[in-house]
Amino acid sequence: MLAYLLVAIVVQIVNFGSEPVDLQISIDAKELNILSSGSTSTILTSSDVKDENSLTNPTKVVPVTTPVQNACKEMNIILSPCSLYSLDLLTIMKSVINLPGLDIFNISSN
């Protein structure tokens, strides 16, 4: 029996600079297939890297989460200035190990 496990790959990148950064991300994992849907990106940014939330302004810096369209192993992203970028890629991993308790991920094959 083959078991397929859903696994999240989390990539976190910080841009401390005042200019956007164009970044190429390559994931070299033959045993993982990144699903084209279900992945998300979360960006935490502000106009100044020293900005912070306070009691008087509790939402000055707020994370924004959006779905990643067409996630894949080779992706190009643009990092906003003064930002923390978290990319949560949903993947599926084929396993030949029978793991107890993970029957919901089992897919029968011929």
C-alpha atoms as a PDB file:
ATOM      1  CA  MET A   1       0.000   0.000   0.000  1.00  0.00           C
ATOM      2  CA  LEU A   2       1.239   3.463  -0.872  1.00  0.00           C
ATOM      3  CA  ALA A   3       0.615   6.281   1.561  1.00  0.00           C
ATOM      4  CA  TYR A   4       0.481   9.885   0.459  1.00  0.00           C
ATOM      5  CA  LEU A   5       1.262  12.473   3.117  1.00  0.00           C
ATOM      6  CA  LEU A   6       0.419  16.154   2.958  1.00  0.00           C
ATOM      7  CA  VAL A   7       3.492  18.115   3.999  1.00  0.00           C
ATOM      8  CA  ALA A   8       3.983  21.884   4.259  1.00  0.00           C
ATOM      9  CA  ILE A   9       7.289  23.437   3.246  1.00  0.00           C
ATOM     10  CA  VAL A  10       7.727  26.792   4.965  1.00  0.00           C
ATOM     11  CA  VAL A  11      10.139  29.323   3.455  1.00  0.00           C
ATOM     12  CA  GLN A  12      10.667  32.542   5.400  1.00  0.00           C
ATOM     13  CA  ILE A  13      12.611  35.480   3.992  1.00  0.00           C
ATOM     14  CA  VAL A  14      13.304  38.949   5.399  1.00  0.00           C
ATOM     15  CA  ASN A  15      14.041  42.050   3.340  1.00  0.00           C
ATOM     16  CA  PHE A  16      15.526  44.671   5.684  1.00  0.00           C
ATOM     17  CA  GLY A  17      16.302  46.958   2.754  1.00  0.00           C
ATOM     18  CA  SER A  18      14.377  49.969   1.488  1.00  0.00           C
ATOM     19  CA  GLU A  19      14.125  48.582  -2.079  1.00  0.00           C
ATOM     20  CA  PRO A  20      12.128  45.619  -3.439  1.00  0.00           C
ATOM     21  CA  VAL A  21      14.078  42.420  -4.085  1.00  0.00           C
ATOM     22  CA  ASP A  22      13.361  40.089  -7.014  1.00  0.00           C
ATOM     23  CA  LEU A  23      14.001  36.547  -5.801  1.00  0.00           C
ATOM     24  CA  GLN A  24      14.050  33.165  -7.551  1.00  0.00           C
ATOM     25  CA  ILE A  25      13.069  30.222  -5.313  1.00  0.00           C
ATOM     26  CA  SER A  26      14.046  26.687  -6.356  1.00  0.00           C
ATOM     27  CA  ILE A  27      13.063  23.622  -4.356  1.00  0.00           C
ATOM     28  CA  ASP A  28      15.030  20.497  -5.220  1.00  0.00           C
ATOM     29  CA  ALA A  29      13.085  17.675  -3.599  1.00  0.00           C
ATOM     30  CA  LYS A  30      12.302  14.821  -5.970  1.00  0.00           C
ATOM     31  CA  GLU A  31      10.099  13.005  -3.457  1.00  0.00           C
ATOM     32  CA  LEU A  32       7.810  16.019  -2.984  1.00  0.00           C
ATOM     33  CA  ASN A  33       5.210  17.304  -5.420  1.00  0.00           C
ATOM     34  CA  ILE A  34       4.074  20.844  -4.752  1.00  0.00           C
ATOM     35  CA  LEU A  35       0.324  21.173  -5.184  1.00  0.00           C
ATOM     36  CA  SER A  36      -0.693  23.984  -7.520  1.00  0.00           C
ATOM     37  CA  SER A  37      -3.407  25.091  -5.071  1.00  0.00           C
ATOM     38  CA  GLY A  38      -3.636  25.200  -1.275  1.00  0.00           C
ATOM     39  CA  SER A  39      -0.392  27.092  -0.673  1.00  0.00           C
ATOM     40  CA  THR A  40      -0.370  30.529   0.986  1.00  0.00           C
ATOM     41  CA  SER A  41       1.937  33.488   1.405  1.00  0.00           C
ATOM     42  CA  THR A  42       1.926  35.780   4.427  1.00  0.00           C
ATOM     43  CA  ILE A  43       3.567  39.194   4.261  1.00  0.00           C
ATOM     44  CA  LEU A  44       4.338  41.382   7.245  1.00  0.00           C
ATOM     45  CA  THR A  45       5.477  44.815   6.100  1.00  0.00           C
ATOM     46  CA  SER A  46       5.578  48.472   7.030  1.00  0.00           C
ATOM     47  CA  SER A  47       7.104  51.674   5.710  1.00  0.00           C
ATOM     48  CA  ASP A  48       9.879  51.533   8.339  1.00  0.00           C
ATOM     49  CA  VAL A  49      11.727  48.436   9.517  1.00  0.00           C
ATOM     50  CA  LYS A  50      11.537  49.787  13.088  1.00  0.00           C
ATOM     51  CA  ASP A  51       7.731  50.037  13.108  1.00  0.00           C
ATOM     52  CA  GLU A  52       5.916  48.055  15.782  1.00  0.00           C
ATOM     53  CA  ASN A  53       2.463  47.662  17.234  1.00  0.00           C
ATOM     54  CA  SER A  54       1.567  49.489  20.450  1.00  0.00           C
ATOM     55  CA  LEU A  55      -1.391  49.968  22.743  1.00  0.00           C
ATOM     56  CA  THR A  56      -2.234  53.207  20.945  1.00  0.00           C
ATOM     57  CA  ASN A  57      -1.745  51.712  17.471  1.00  0.00           C
ATOM     58  CA  PRO A  58      -2.227  47.914  17.752  1.00  0.00           C
ATOM     59  CA  THR A  59      -2.560  47.344  13.991  1.00  0.00           C
ATOM     60  CA  LYS A  60       0.353  49.349  12.608  1.00  0.00           C
ATOM     61  CA  VAL A  61       2.014  46.140  11.409  1.00  0.00           C
ATOM     62  CA  VAL A  62      -0.459  43.409  10.391  1.00  0.00           C
ATOM     63  CA  PRO A  63       0.200  40.170   8.489  1.00  0.00           C
ATOM     64  CA  VAL A  64      -1.658  39.716   5.200  1.00  0.00           C
ATOM     65  CA  THR A  65      -2.224  36.129   4.005  1.00  0.00           C
ATOM     66  CA  THR A  66      -3.153  35.352   0.398  1.00  0.00           C
ATOM     67  CA  PRO A  67      -3.373  32.158  -1.649  1.00  0.00           C
ATOM     68  CA  VAL A  68      -0.428  31.363  -3.916  1.00  0.00           C
ATOM     69  CA  GLN A  69      -1.618  30.844  -7.464  1.00  0.00           C
ATOM     70  CA  ASN A  70       0.133  28.059  -9.405  1.00  0.00           C
ATOM     71  CA  ALA A  71       2.675  27.126  -6.739  1.00  0.00           C
ATOM     72  CA  CYS A  72       5.570  25.049  -8.100  1.00  0.00           C
ATOM     73  CA  LYS A  73       9.207  24.091  -7.447  1.00  0.00           C
ATOM     74  CA  GLU A  74      10.519  27.091  -9.424  1.00  0.00           C
ATOM     75  CA  MET A  75       8.952  30.407  -8.437  1.00  0.00           C
ATOM     76  CA  ASN A  76       9.817  34.067  -8.780  1.00  0.00           C
ATOM     77  CA  ILE A  77       8.679  36.430  -6.007  1.00  0.00           C
ATOM     78  CA  ILE A  78       9.213  40.107  -5.321  1.00  0.00           C
ATOM     79  CA  LEU A  79       9.922  40.985  -1.703  1.00  0.00           C
ATOM     80  CA  SER A  80       8.532  44.329  -0.585  1.00  0.00           C
ATOM     81  CA  PRO A  81      10.882  46.691   1.240  1.00  0.00           C
ATOM     82  CA  CYS A  82      11.020  46.240   5.029  1.00  0.00           C
ATOM     83  CA  SER A  83       9.110  42.962   4.955  1.00  0.00           C
ATOM     84  CA  LEU A  84       8.933  39.444   6.320  1.00  0.00           C
ATOM     85  CA  TYR A  85       7.668  36.960   3.752  1.00  0.00           C
ATOM     86  CA  SER A  86       6.456  33.484   4.696  1.00  0.00           C
ATOM     87  CA  LEU A  87       5.693  31.058   1.892  1.00  0.00           C
ATOM     88  CA  ASP A  88       3.751  27.954   2.986  1.00  0.00           C
ATOM     89  CA  LEU A  89       3.837  25.434   0.151  1.00  0.00           C
ATOM     90  CA  LEU A  90       1.432  22.514   0.363  1.00  0.00           C
ATOM     91  CA  THR A  91       3.054  19.344  -0.960  1.00  0.00           C
ATOM     92  CA  ILE A  92       2.230  15.700  -1.266  1.00  0.00           C
ATOM     93  CA  MET A  93       4.828  13.062  -0.489  1.00  0.00           C
ATOM     94  CA  LYS A  94       4.590   9.469  -1.643  1.00  0.00           C
ATOM     95  CA  SER A  95       5.575   7.014   1.081  1.00  0.00           C
ATOM     96  CA  VAL A  96       5.899   3.241   1.049  1.00  0.00           C
ATOM     97  CA  ILE A  97       5.848   3.173   4.843  1.00  0.00           C
ATOM     98  CA  ASN A  98       2.545   2.267   6.456  1.00  0.00           C
ATOM     99  CA  LEU A  99       2.109   4.820   9.237  1.00  0.00           C
ATOM    100  CA  PRO A 100      -0.598   3.970  11.786  1.00  0.00           C
ATOM    101  CA  GLY A 101      -3.186   6.670  12.300  1.00  0.00           C
ATOM    102  CA  LEU A 102      -2.685   8.234   8.880  1.00  0.00           C
ATOM    103  CA  ASP A 103      -5.283   6.166   7.034  1.00  0.00           C
ATOM    104  CA  ILE A 104      -7.019   9.320   5.772  1.00  0.00           C
ATOM    105  CA  PHE A 105      -4.026   9.905   3.475  1.00  0.00           C
ATOM    106  CA  ASN A 106      -3.892   6.376   2.061  1.00  0.00           C
ATOM    107  CA  ILE A 107      -4.638   6.010  -1.621  1.00  0.00           C
ATOM    108  CA  SER A 108      -4.912   2.524  -3.031  1.00  0.00           C
ATOM    109  CA  SER A 109      -3.018   1.748  -6.204  1.00  0.00           C
ATOM    110  CA  ASN A 110      -2.940  -1.174  -8.604  1.00  0.00           C
END
